[in-house]
Structure formats: C-alpha cells, structure tokens
Amino acid sequence: MPSPSSREVIVEADGGSRGNPGPAGYGAVVLDPVTGETLAEAAEYIGVATNNVAEYKGLVAGLTAARALFPDATVHVRMDSKLVVEQMSGRWKIKHPDMKPLAAAAGRIFPPGQVRYEWIPRELNKHADRLANEAMDAGKQGRQWGPSASTAALGAAGAAVLAPSGPPGDAAAGAARARAALSGTSGAGTSGAGASEAGASGVGTPATSEQLDDGLFTPDEAVAAQARASLASAARTETTTHAEKAPQGWAGPDMGAPATFVLLRHGETALTPEKRFSGSGGTDPELSAAGLRQAEAVAEALAARGTIQEIVSSPLTRCRQTAAAVAARLGLDVQVDRGLRETDFGAWEGLTFGEVREKYPDDLDAWLASPKAAPTGGGESFAAVARRVAAARDRLTAAHAGRTVLLVTHVTPIKTLVRLALGAPPESLFRMELSAASISAVAYYADGNASVRLLNDTSHLR
C-alpha cells in the first residue's frame, strides 16, 4: 500500500433527522480512491438534532476515522449537503451558532491544505446515507449502532474500522490507530490517561477550544478529545430534550419519521400587489422584479437553514422561477407536480374582488357561501381543489417519508394543506393571511396525523 505521506483517501459523510429537529444520526465511510475499498465506517445515533448538526457530526466522524488511519493523508470529502460543503470550503459564511463549533472541530482534524470538499448528488452518497439511517433505526430501538460481526468495534463512539484486503500489517496498524483515537488512547495497546478518561461510557471530559488551540494536547489526543466532546454534547442534548418534552411516565405513540413539507408561496407577479385573481386558468404571469428579489431572499434564508432535501413545484411559471432560485442555491433539482397548481378562477382571472362583485355578484355570493360553488365560466371550486391537493399530499408523503421537502406553490393549495392538517372547516380558507414568498410548514406522520409547525413566515424578507 502507498506510504502515509502519499496516501489519499475519500471520506463520504451524511446525517439525517426524522423531524428536523428530531431523532437524528450520522454515517461516514472512508474509502480507497483507487479500489473503492471500504477502509472505515462510523455511525451514531445522536438524539434530537437538526439535519445540519447530524451532517456536520458525520463529517467530524469521517475525518476523525481518516486521520486515525493515515494522519498525513490528503482527504477528498464528498457530501450531498451543499451547506456543509460550501461552508467548509469557505465560500459561505457560517451563521448558525450550532454549526460554528462543529465546523471548527472539523477544520482542526487535518491541516486545511490536506482536505478538499466536493458536493455530490444524494444518489451517489448512498453508503453514508445507509449508515446514518441504520444509526437512527438503532436509536429508535434504544440502542447505539454497532458494526457487523466482520468489523472491528471502536468503542462507544459507535464506529467500526473494516480491515482492507491488502497487506495485513498496514490494515492492522490502521485499525489500531483508529481504535486508539476514538476510544481516547494515544496508541494501540496503551492504557494512558485518555483511556481512563473515557471510562465505561466512552465519554470523557471534553477538551476546551483553548486547550486545543494552545497545544496542550498532541494531535491524536486532540482528535480523540474532540470526538469525546461531540459525544458528550449529543448525550446532554438528548437527555435535556427528552426531559423537557416528555412528561414523567408518559410516552407518545411511535409515529415514525414524518414527511415535512415546507410550503413556499411564489414571489410577487405584476398582479399580486393589485390583489387580482391569478390562478391556473389565466395568463400564467412571470415574477416581477420585486418577486425575483423575494425569490433570492428566500433562497438565501433556506440555504442558511440547510434543512431542505427535495424541491417540488407547481407547473406555473411564477412557482418554477421561485423554485429555480432556491434550487440554484441548494444544488438540488426541481420536480414538478400538477396537483400543486393554483385554483382555476374561470372568468374571474385577472379581476379584483371589487370587479368580480360588480360583474358577477350572485356567483361571488355563492362562492363565498359554499366550497362546492365554482367561479363563473367553468372555474374550479374549493372542494375540487381540496380533492386535488389531498391527492398530491398523499402521493408526496408516500414518496418522501422522513424527508424535508420544499413545495413551491400558491395561496389556495397552501391554505388547503394547512386547513386539512388542522381539521378546520372550508371557511377557514378566508381567515388565513398568506403573503408572497412566505413560508409555512406541515409535518405528516405515517399514522395519518399532521402537525402545523409554521404559518406565513416572512422574516427572511425584512
């Protein structure tokens, strides 16, 4: 095998949260770039956390395992998290307080010149994604992820080094170094302070950033200390969160991982500020200059949050333009679902409410009184829209269970999704405010229940 000084390895990492925040875990794998051979795997259930926290913890674990194997290697990190890749590459600022210490920890494991980052599509990150899901499944069963019988356990960090099929001496030495780093010792077979510090749980006293920066630890000890600090933080977070949320002696039903829909109304068109009916039967207007600015603002806000995993849009132009702005920032593709289109307002398209009142007073009164009444000229009733949107909801929740999906759509579909989630009557559609480029969110569980988490958030536009 190549000498450590000339060695290059690939680290693929991923993390997930079933609820975002919710039960979370990460997975990471170290690969030989020439043979594709798996050199190390790491995975862990980390309690309640966000997708981004889990992704960053996966990165830290992957880099830690790579350094334990080959301290002088150059590392090619591949992840499907655009946020982590861009932030660690220095192109995006790190604003979220939960991300800063994790990014700093990842940046200290190898010298910056030894690590490069690449974004890859999710379908190319299946190994790490599988490990993350295995870790979350294990956490759901009240246990930590563990390696198969063919792998070498690395202690309470929940990691495993797989012995490569090459020369046994190199593989054994690498496995020993990995076990030592993640268990808190300075070398294989030793029983120094690091080992006793970890104790039975594998979580010891975390090193402070000052101690790491001031050189009070050797590089290997610093990596091990940082790994223990990450584990200790996760353990405290899980304990605190469950203590705060669950009444003593009570446990809620196991609803599984929800599909979380972040509902984004498109940006403004020329018709929006004039409050004209603009549905799927009209001129299909484009975003105005103001609408394009709103789309960029919401794209920036969603990129900073880093929670969106898929994007689905209405087929209408104003939604596709808004979705494209977000997709460009997140490095995602846009799927189109016709079920998310706006109501067809028939002869009312392009008119204001007052103009409809003047021209079609009886039809307007009937429309306001009953969800089964349709706008003049063959428009679509709210009852028909509800059936269409509910079918789209069921189709999308089945396809995206456990994922956080951005749905870029219109006033009526968003209000309908919220109404149905709340079990509210049809007349509630007229009692909701929904601004252009606003964000709402609903989580859908496998047992049919739903939770409305946000409505008409426009803070990113201020």
Protein backbone atom coordinates (compact mmCIF):
# COMPACT_ATOMS: atom_id res chain seq x y z
CA MET A 1 0.00 0.00 0.00
CA PRO A 2 1.18 3.61 -0.51
CA SER A 3 3.10 5.27 2.27
CA PRO A 4 1.07 7.56 4.55
CA SER A 5 2.74 10.67 3.14
CA SER A 6 1.49 9.88 -0.39
CA ARG A 7 -1.85 8.40 0.66
CA GLU A 8 -5.17 9.88 -0.49
CA VAL A 9 -8.49 8.78 0.94
CA ILE A 10 -12.11 9.63 0.26
CA VAL A 11 -14.47 10.49 3.10
CA GLU A 12 -18.19 10.33 2.40
CA ALA A 13 -20.47 11.55 5.19
CA ASP A 14 -24.15 12.15 5.74
CA GLY A 15 -26.58 12.89 8.52
CA GLY A 16 -30.32 12.91 8.92
CA SER A 17 -33.06 13.98 11.29
CA ARG A 18 -36.52 12.48 11.36
CA GLY A 19 -38.44 15.62 12.15
CA ASN A 20 -35.73 18.26 11.69
CA PRO A 21 -35.23 18.69 14.55
CA GLY A 22 -35.99 15.15 15.62
CA PRO A 23 -34.28 11.82 16.25
CA ALA A 24 -31.02 12.13 14.34
CA GLY A 25 -27.95 10.16 13.34
CA TYR A 26 -24.94 10.31 11.10
CA GLY A 27 -22.91 7.96 8.95
CA ALA A 28 -19.44 8.23 7.45
CA VAL A 29 -17.21 5.99 5.41
CA VAL A 30 -13.50 6.17 4.48
CA LEU A 31 -12.75 4.76 1.03
CA ASP A 32 -9.68 3.93 -1.02
CA PRO A 33 -9.96 6.20 -4.10
CA VAL A 34 -8.34 3.66 -6.42
CA THR A 35 -10.07 0.41 -5.47
CA GLY A 36 -13.22 1.81 -3.86
CA GLU A 37 -12.43 -0.40 -0.87
CA THR A 38 -14.07 0.49 2.45
CA LEU A 39 -11.37 1.32 4.98
CA ALA A 40 -13.55 2.53 7.85
CA GLU A 41 -17.16 3.13 8.78
CA ALA A 42 -18.65 5.29 11.51
CA ALA A 43 -22.24 5.84 12.55
CA GLU A 44 -24.03 7.10 15.63
CA TYR A 45 -27.48 7.99 16.91
CA ILE A 46 -27.14 11.48 18.43
CA GLY A 47 -30.56 12.11 19.94
CA VAL A 48 -32.69 15.06 18.90
CA ALA A 49 -30.93 17.35 16.44
CA THR A 50 -31.31 19.01 13.03
CA ASN A 51 -30.20 17.63 9.68
CA ASN A 52 -27.29 20.07 9.57
CA VAL A 53 -25.99 19.16 13.02
CA ALA A 54 -26.12 15.48 12.06
CA GLU A 55 -24.34 16.16 8.77
CA TYR A 56 -21.57 18.09 10.48
CA LYS A 57 -21.16 15.36 13.10
CA GLY A 58 -20.88 12.84 10.28
CA LEU A 59 -18.13 14.95 8.73
CA VAL A 60 -16.25 15.14 12.05
CA ALA A 61 -16.52 11.36 12.49
CA GLY A 62 -15.36 10.65 8.95
CA LEU A 63 -12.35 12.95 9.20
CA THR A 64 -11.51 11.52 12.64
CA ALA A 65 -11.51 7.97 11.26
CA ALA A 66 -9.41 9.04 8.25
CA ARG A 67 -6.82 10.75 10.44
CA ALA A 68 -6.63 7.74 12.74
CA LEU A 69 -5.79 5.59 9.73
CA PHE A 70 -3.48 7.95 7.83
CA PRO A 71 -2.57 11.19 9.68
CA ASP A 72 -0.62 12.60 6.73
CA ALA A 73 -3.10 11.69 4.01
CA THR A 74 -4.81 14.11 1.69
CA VAL A 75 -8.56 13.82 2.06
CA HIS A 76 -11.28 14.21 -0.56
CA VAL A 77 -14.58 14.82 1.27
CA ARG A 78 -17.75 14.13 -0.70
CA MET A 79 -21.16 15.04 0.75
CA ASP A 80 -24.65 15.74 -0.57
CA SER A 81 -25.06 18.65 1.85
CA LYS A 82 -24.49 21.79 -0.20
CA LEU A 83 -24.46 23.83 3.00
CA VAL A 84 -21.64 21.86 4.67
CA VAL A 85 -19.55 21.68 1.50
CA GLU A 86 -19.85 25.41 0.77
CA GLN A 87 -19.24 26.44 4.38
CA MET A 88 -16.24 24.17 4.86
CA SER A 89 -14.84 25.35 1.52
CA GLY A 90 -15.03 28.92 2.79
CA ARG A 91 -17.48 30.15 0.16
CA TRP A 92 -20.46 30.54 2.51
CA LYS A 93 -20.46 32.14 5.92
CA ILE A 94 -21.34 30.06 8.96
CA LYS A 95 -24.07 31.95 10.79
CA HIS A 96 -25.89 29.35 12.86
CA PRO A 97 -24.48 29.01 16.41
CA ASP A 98 -24.91 25.22 16.37
CA MET A 99 -22.79 24.91 13.23
CA LYS A 100 -19.81 27.06 14.22
CA PRO A 101 -18.21 24.74 16.84
CA LEU A 102 -18.81 21.68 14.67
CA ALA A 103 -17.22 23.34 11.64
CA ALA A 104 -14.29 24.45 13.80
CA ALA A 105 -13.87 20.89 15.11
CA ALA A 106 -13.88 19.50 11.57
CA GLY A 107 -11.37 22.11 10.45
CA ARG A 108 -8.89 21.17 13.18
CA ILE A 109 -8.64 17.47 12.38
CA PHE A 110 -6.46 17.93 9.28
CA PRO A 111 -4.48 20.96 8.11
CA PRO A 112 -6.66 22.90 5.64
CA GLY A 113 -4.36 22.15 2.71
CA GLN A 114 -4.91 18.41 3.14
CA VAL A 115 -8.70 18.45 2.72
CA ARG A 116 -10.84 19.36 -0.28
CA TYR A 117 -14.63 19.27 -0.47
CA GLU A 118 -16.99 18.25 -3.26
CA TRP A 119 -20.78 18.26 -3.42
CA ILE A 120 -22.32 15.09 -4.87
CA PRO A 121 -25.97 14.17 -5.57
CA ARG A 122 -27.72 12.19 -2.86
CA GLU A 123 -27.88 9.07 -5.01
CA LEU A 124 -24.07 8.97 -5.04
CA ASN A 125 -23.88 9.16 -1.26
CA LYS A 126 -25.87 6.01 -0.52
CA HIS A 127 -23.24 4.32 1.66
CA ALA A 128 -23.10 7.13 4.22
CA ASP A 129 -26.87 7.65 3.97
CA ARG A 130 -27.44 3.98 4.76
CA LEU A 131 -25.18 4.17 7.81
CA ALA A 132 -26.99 7.28 9.07
CA ASN A 133 -30.35 5.54 8.72
CA GLU A 134 -29.02 2.43 10.45
CA ALA A 135 -27.89 4.64 13.33
CA MET A 136 -31.33 6.31 13.55
CA ASP A 137 -33.06 2.92 13.41
CA ALA A 138 -30.83 1.69 16.23
CA GLY A 139 -31.63 4.79 18.28
CA LYS A 140 -35.33 4.16 17.76
CA GLN A 141 -34.81 0.74 19.34
CA GLY A 142 -32.99 2.24 22.32
CA ARG A 143 -29.50 1.15 21.32
CA GLN A 144 -26.47 2.55 19.56
CA TRP A 145 -25.43 1.49 16.08
CA GLY A 146 -22.91 -1.34 16.05
CA PRO A 147 -20.75 -2.94 13.38
CA SER A 148 -21.47 -6.33 11.88
CA ALA A 149 -19.61 -9.39 13.10
CA SER A 150 -16.96 -8.90 10.40
CA THR A 151 -15.90 -5.45 11.60
CA ALA A 152 -13.77 -4.23 14.48
CA ALA A 153 -15.61 -2.30 17.19
CA LEU A 154 -14.28 1.12 18.09
CA GLY A 155 -15.94 1.66 21.46
CA ALA A 156 -18.79 3.90 22.49
CA ALA A 157 -18.37 6.29 19.55
CA GLY A 158 -20.27 3.69 17.55
CA ALA A 159 -17.61 3.41 14.83
CA ALA A 160 -16.04 0.43 13.08
CA VAL A 161 -12.87 0.00 11.04
CA LEU A 162 -13.06 -2.57 8.28
CA ALA A 163 -9.74 -4.34 7.65
CA PRO A 164 -8.85 -3.93 3.98
CA SER A 165 -7.92 -6.92 1.92
CA GLY A 166 -4.37 -5.62 1.27
CA PRO A 167 -1.22 -6.35 3.30
CA PRO A 168 -2.29 -7.27 6.86
CA GLY A 169 0.33 -5.22 8.67
CA ASP A 170 -0.89 -1.90 7.28
CA ALA A 171 -4.55 -2.75 7.89
CA ALA A 172 -3.88 -3.87 11.45
CA ALA A 173 -1.87 -0.75 12.25
CA GLY A 174 -4.56 1.48 10.78
CA ALA A 175 -7.30 -0.27 12.73
CA ALA A 176 -5.26 0.05 15.92
CA ARG A 177 -4.75 3.76 15.37
CA ALA A 178 -8.44 4.24 14.67
CA ARG A 179 -9.45 2.34 17.78
CA ALA A 180 -6.98 4.33 19.84
CA ALA A 181 -8.15 7.71 18.57
CA LEU A 182 -11.85 7.05 19.01
CA SER A 183 -11.50 5.34 22.40
CA GLY A 184 -9.35 8.14 23.79
CA THR A 185 -5.90 6.46 23.99
CA SER A 186 -2.72 7.71 22.38
CA GLY A 187 -1.78 4.37 20.82
CA ALA A 188 -2.91 0.81 20.39
CA GLY A 189 -2.46 -1.37 23.43
CA THR A 190 -1.79 1.53 25.83
CA SER A 191 -3.79 2.39 28.90
CA GLY A 192 -2.87 6.04 29.38
CA ALA A 193 -4.92 8.96 30.61
CA GLY A 194 -7.09 9.05 27.51
CA ALA A 195 -8.40 5.55 28.10
CA SER A 196 -9.27 6.08 31.75
CA GLU A 197 -10.80 9.46 30.91
CA ALA A 198 -13.32 7.88 28.59
CA GLY A 199 -14.49 5.43 31.23
CA ALA A 200 -17.15 2.82 30.70
CA SER A 201 -19.36 5.10 28.62
CA GLY A 202 -16.62 6.20 26.28
CA VAL A 203 -17.41 9.87 27.01
CA GLY A 204 -14.83 11.78 28.99
CA THR A 205 -14.20 15.39 29.89
CA PRO A 206 -14.19 17.33 26.61
CA ALA A 207 -11.23 19.49 25.79
CA THR A 208 -11.87 23.20 25.58
CA SER A 209 -11.12 25.08 22.38
CA GLU A 210 -8.41 26.99 24.26
CA GLN A 211 -6.68 23.75 25.24
CA LEU A 212 -6.78 22.51 21.67
CA ASP A 213 -5.57 25.79 20.21
CA ASP A 214 -2.81 26.22 22.80
CA GLY A 215 -1.26 22.84 22.03
CA LEU A 216 -1.95 21.20 25.40
CA PHE A 217 -2.87 18.02 23.53
CA THR A 218 -0.94 16.10 20.91
CA PRO A 219 -2.71 15.96 17.52
CA ASP A 220 -4.02 12.44 18.14
CA GLU A 221 -5.17 13.36 21.64
CA ALA A 222 -6.86 16.47 20.28
CA VAL A 223 -8.81 14.40 17.73
CA ALA A 224 -9.88 11.95 20.42
CA ALA A 225 -10.81 14.76 22.83
CA GLN A 226 -12.87 16.48 20.17
CA ALA A 227 -14.68 13.23 19.37
CA ARG A 228 -15.49 12.77 23.07
CA ALA A 229 -16.66 16.38 23.29
CA SER A 230 -19.04 15.80 20.40
CA LEU A 231 -20.40 12.67 22.04
CA ALA A 232 -20.80 14.40 25.40
CA SER A 233 -22.69 17.27 23.79
CA ALA A 234 -25.00 14.87 21.97
CA ALA A 235 -25.66 12.93 25.17
CA ARG A 236 -26.50 16.14 27.07
CA THR A 237 -28.76 17.34 24.24
CA GLU A 238 -30.67 14.06 24.11
CA THR A 239 -31.15 13.91 27.88
CA THR A 240 -32.22 17.54 28.18
CA THR A 241 -34.57 17.44 25.23
CA HIS A 242 -36.39 14.33 26.39
CA ALA A 243 -36.60 15.65 29.95
CA GLU A 244 -38.15 18.89 28.73
CA LYS A 245 -40.59 17.40 26.24
CA ALA A 246 -41.85 14.16 27.77
CA PRO A 247 -43.96 14.20 30.95
CA GLN A 248 -42.73 11.70 33.50
CA GLY A 249 -44.18 8.24 32.99
CA TRP A 250 -45.72 9.14 29.62
CA ALA A 251 -44.57 8.23 26.13
CA GLY A 252 -46.30 9.31 22.93
CA PRO A 253 -47.11 6.96 20.08
CA ASP A 254 -44.31 5.94 17.78
CA MET A 255 -45.36 7.76 14.62
CA GLY A 256 -42.18 7.12 12.69
CA ALA A 257 -40.32 9.68 10.63
CA PRO A 258 -42.64 12.37 9.25
CA ALA A 259 -42.52 13.86 5.80
CA THR A 260 -42.07 17.58 6.47
CA PHE A 261 -43.39 19.92 3.81
CA VAL A 262 -42.01 23.45 3.83
CA LEU A 263 -44.69 25.35 1.92
CA LEU A 264 -43.38 28.33 -0.04
CA ARG A 265 -45.73 30.71 -1.81
CA HIS A 266 -44.16 32.06 -5.00
CA GLY A 267 -42.83 35.61 -5.20
CA GLU A 268 -44.87 38.53 -6.47
CA THR A 269 -46.07 38.96 -10.04
CA ALA A 270 -47.46 42.18 -11.51
CA LEU A 271 -50.92 41.03 -10.41
CA THR A 272 -50.03 40.35 -6.76
CA PRO A 273 -49.90 43.89 -5.31
CA GLU A 274 -53.12 44.74 -7.16
CA LYS A 275 -54.81 41.76 -5.45
CA ARG A 276 -56.16 40.35 -8.70
CA PHE A 277 -57.37 36.77 -9.09
CA SER A 278 -54.46 34.86 -10.60
CA GLY A 279 -54.98 31.15 -10.91
CA SER A 280 -54.17 28.35 -13.31
CA GLY A 281 -56.68 29.49 -15.95
CA GLY A 282 -55.19 32.90 -16.63
CA THR A 283 -52.12 34.34 -18.35
CA ASP A 284 -49.51 32.46 -16.25
CA PRO A 285 -47.55 35.62 -15.32
CA GLU A 286 -43.83 35.69 -14.55
CA LEU A 287 -42.28 37.05 -11.38
CA SER A 288 -41.94 40.80 -11.24
CA ALA A 289 -38.64 42.49 -10.31
CA ALA A 290 -39.87 42.51 -6.70
CA GLY A 291 -40.78 38.83 -6.98
CA LEU A 292 -37.33 37.92 -8.25
CA ARG A 293 -35.76 39.72 -5.28
CA GLN A 294 -38.10 37.84 -2.93
CA ALA A 295 -37.13 34.54 -4.53
CA GLU A 296 -33.43 35.26 -3.98
CA ALA A 297 -34.08 36.31 -0.39
CA VAL A 298 -35.99 33.15 0.46
CA ALA A 299 -33.33 31.06 -1.32
CA GLU A 300 -30.66 32.60 0.89
CA ALA A 301 -32.74 32.00 4.02
CA LEU A 302 -33.38 28.36 3.16
CA ALA A 303 -29.73 27.80 2.33
CA ALA A 304 -28.77 29.19 5.73
CA ARG A 305 -31.22 26.83 7.45
CA GLY A 306 -29.87 23.91 5.46
CA THR A 307 -32.89 21.67 6.04
CA ILE A 308 -34.35 21.24 2.54
CA GLN A 309 -33.65 17.88 0.91
CA GLU A 310 -36.02 17.91 -2.09
CA ILE A 311 -37.88 20.59 -4.09
CA VAL A 312 -41.28 20.09 -5.76
CA SER A 313 -43.01 22.90 -7.66
CA SER A 314 -46.33 23.79 -9.21
CA PRO A 315 -46.07 23.81 -13.02
CA LEU A 316 -46.94 27.51 -13.25
CA THR A 317 -44.17 29.90 -14.27
CA ARG A 318 -44.09 32.02 -11.11
CA CYS A 319 -43.56 28.92 -8.96
CA ARG A 320 -40.97 27.39 -11.25
CA GLN A 321 -38.99 30.65 -11.20
CA THR A 322 -39.13 30.80 -7.41
CA ALA A 323 -38.16 27.14 -7.12
CA ALA A 324 -35.27 27.62 -9.55
CA ALA A 325 -33.78 30.37 -7.36
CA VAL A 326 -33.82 28.08 -4.33
CA ALA A 327 -32.57 25.07 -6.28
CA ALA A 328 -29.59 27.05 -7.58
CA ARG A 329 -28.52 27.90 -4.03
CA LEU A 330 -29.04 24.39 -2.66
CA GLY A 331 -27.71 22.40 -5.60
CA LEU A 332 -30.97 20.45 -5.94
CA ASP A 333 -33.20 19.51 -8.86
CA VAL A 334 -36.82 20.68 -9.13
CA GLN A 335 -39.61 18.17 -9.59
CA VAL A 336 -43.00 19.37 -10.93
CA ASP A 337 -46.35 18.16 -9.62
CA ARG A 338 -49.53 19.39 -11.33
CA GLY A 339 -51.50 18.77 -8.17
CA LEU A 340 -49.84 21.86 -6.66
CA ARG A 341 -51.23 24.32 -9.25
CA GLU A 342 -53.47 27.20 -8.21
CA THR A 343 -57.27 27.21 -8.49
CA ASP A 344 -58.71 27.91 -11.92
CA PHE A 345 -60.71 31.09 -11.32
CA GLY A 346 -62.54 30.96 -14.66
CA ALA A 347 -63.91 34.30 -15.84
CA TRP A 348 -62.55 35.98 -12.69
CA GLU A 349 -58.92 35.62 -13.77
CA GLY A 350 -57.18 39.00 -13.76
CA LEU A 351 -60.03 40.79 -11.96
CA THR A 352 -60.01 42.34 -8.49
CA PHE A 353 -62.51 41.25 -5.86
CA GLY A 354 -64.41 44.50 -6.36
CA GLU A 355 -64.60 43.96 -10.12
CA VAL A 356 -65.94 40.44 -9.59
CA ARG A 357 -68.51 41.82 -7.13
CA GLU A 358 -69.65 44.31 -9.75
CA LYS A 359 -69.82 41.87 -12.68
CA TYR A 360 -70.84 38.59 -11.04
CA PRO A 361 -72.46 39.40 -7.66
CA ASP A 362 -74.61 36.28 -7.40
CA ASP A 363 -71.83 33.92 -8.40
CA LEU A 364 -69.48 35.57 -5.89
CA ASP A 365 -72.00 35.24 -3.06
CA ALA A 366 -72.49 31.56 -3.85
CA TRP A 367 -68.70 31.03 -3.96
CA LEU A 368 -68.25 32.68 -0.57
CA ALA A 369 -71.08 30.61 0.91
CA SER A 370 -70.14 27.13 -0.30
CA PRO A 371 -66.86 25.35 -1.12
CA LYS A 372 -68.75 23.44 -3.82
CA ALA A 373 -69.54 26.58 -5.80
CA ALA A 374 -67.20 27.35 -8.69
CA PRO A 375 -66.20 30.73 -10.12
CA THR A 376 -68.07 31.97 -13.19
CA GLY A 377 -67.23 30.45 -16.53
CA GLY A 378 -66.15 26.92 -15.62
CA GLY A 379 -63.74 27.70 -12.80
CA GLU A 380 -62.69 25.27 -10.09
CA SER A 381 -64.46 25.01 -6.72
CA PHE A 382 -62.53 24.88 -3.46
CA ALA A 383 -63.94 21.38 -2.91
CA ALA A 384 -62.38 20.24 -6.20
CA VAL A 385 -59.09 21.92 -5.29
CA ALA A 386 -59.13 20.18 -1.89
CA ARG A 387 -59.50 16.76 -3.55
CA ARG A 388 -56.66 17.50 -5.96
CA VAL A 389 -54.35 18.87 -3.25
CA ALA A 390 -55.13 15.99 -0.88
CA ALA A 391 -54.21 13.51 -3.62
CA ALA A 392 -50.93 15.36 -4.20
CA ARG A 393 -50.27 15.38 -0.46
CA ASP A 394 -50.77 11.63 -0.18
CA ARG A 395 -48.61 10.99 -3.22
CA LEU A 396 -45.78 13.20 -1.96
CA THR A 397 -45.83 11.98 1.65
CA ALA A 398 -45.53 8.40 0.44
CA ALA A 399 -42.63 9.32 -1.83
CA HIS A 400 -40.75 11.46 0.73
CA ALA A 401 -41.28 9.82 4.13
CA GLY A 402 -38.69 11.03 6.60
CA ARG A 403 -37.55 13.85 4.28
CA THR A 404 -37.89 17.63 4.39
CA VAL A 405 -39.37 18.77 1.09
CA LEU A 406 -39.90 22.30 -0.20
CA LEU A 407 -43.25 22.63 -2.00
CA VAL A 408 -43.34 25.81 -4.09
CA THR A 409 -46.98 26.52 -4.74
CA HIS A 410 -49.83 29.03 -4.37
CA VAL A 411 -52.24 30.56 -1.87
CA THR A 412 -55.08 28.06 -2.20
CA PRO A 413 -53.00 24.85 -2.11
CA ILE A 414 -51.01 26.06 0.92
CA LYS A 415 -54.11 27.16 2.82
CA THR A 416 -55.78 23.86 1.90
CA LEU A 417 -52.85 21.80 3.21
CA VAL A 418 -52.89 23.77 6.47
CA ARG A 419 -56.69 23.52 6.76
CA LEU A 420 -56.68 19.77 6.22
CA ALA A 421 -53.84 19.30 8.70
CA LEU A 422 -55.77 21.23 11.35
CA GLY A 423 -59.10 19.58 10.56
CA ALA A 424 -60.53 23.08 10.08
CA PRO A 425 -63.72 23.80 8.09
CA PRO A 426 -63.57 25.12 4.50
CA GLU A 427 -64.46 28.66 5.57
CA SER A 428 -61.11 28.85 7.37
CA LEU A 429 -59.52 29.48 3.96
CA PHE A 430 -60.85 33.03 4.15
CA ARG A 431 -59.34 33.55 7.62
CA MET A 432 -55.68 32.90 6.81
CA GLU A 433 -53.17 35.50 5.68
CA LEU A 434 -50.55 34.29 3.22
CA SER A 435 -48.05 36.77 1.86
CA ALA A 436 -45.94 36.43 -1.29
CA ALA A 437 -42.75 34.41 -0.73
CA SER A 438 -43.92 33.40 2.75
CA ILE A 439 -43.03 30.08 4.37
CA SER A 440 -45.33 27.68 6.21
CA ALA A 441 -44.60 24.11 7.32
CA VAL A 442 -46.58 20.93 7.99
CA ALA A 443 -45.24 17.54 9.13
CA TYR A 444 -47.12 14.40 8.07
CA TYR A 445 -46.81 11.15 10.04
CA ALA A 446 -47.30 7.56 8.94
CA ASP A 447 -50.41 7.14 11.11
CA GLY A 448 -52.21 9.94 9.23
CA ASN A 449 -51.68 12.65 11.82
CA ALA A 450 -50.22 16.03 10.87
CA SER A 451 -48.62 18.88 12.76
CA VAL A 452 -48.71 22.51 11.57
CA ARG A 453 -45.37 24.00 12.58
CA LEU A 454 -45.31 27.37 10.85
CA LEU A 455 -47.65 29.72 9.00
CA ASN A 456 -46.92 32.80 6.88
CA ASP A 457 -43.34 33.42 7.97
CA THR A 458 -41.91 36.42 6.07
CA SER A 459 -39.00 37.22 8.41
CA HIS A 460 -36.49 36.48 5.62
CA LEU A 461 -37.95 39.34 3.55
CA ARG A 462 -37.41 42.07 6.14
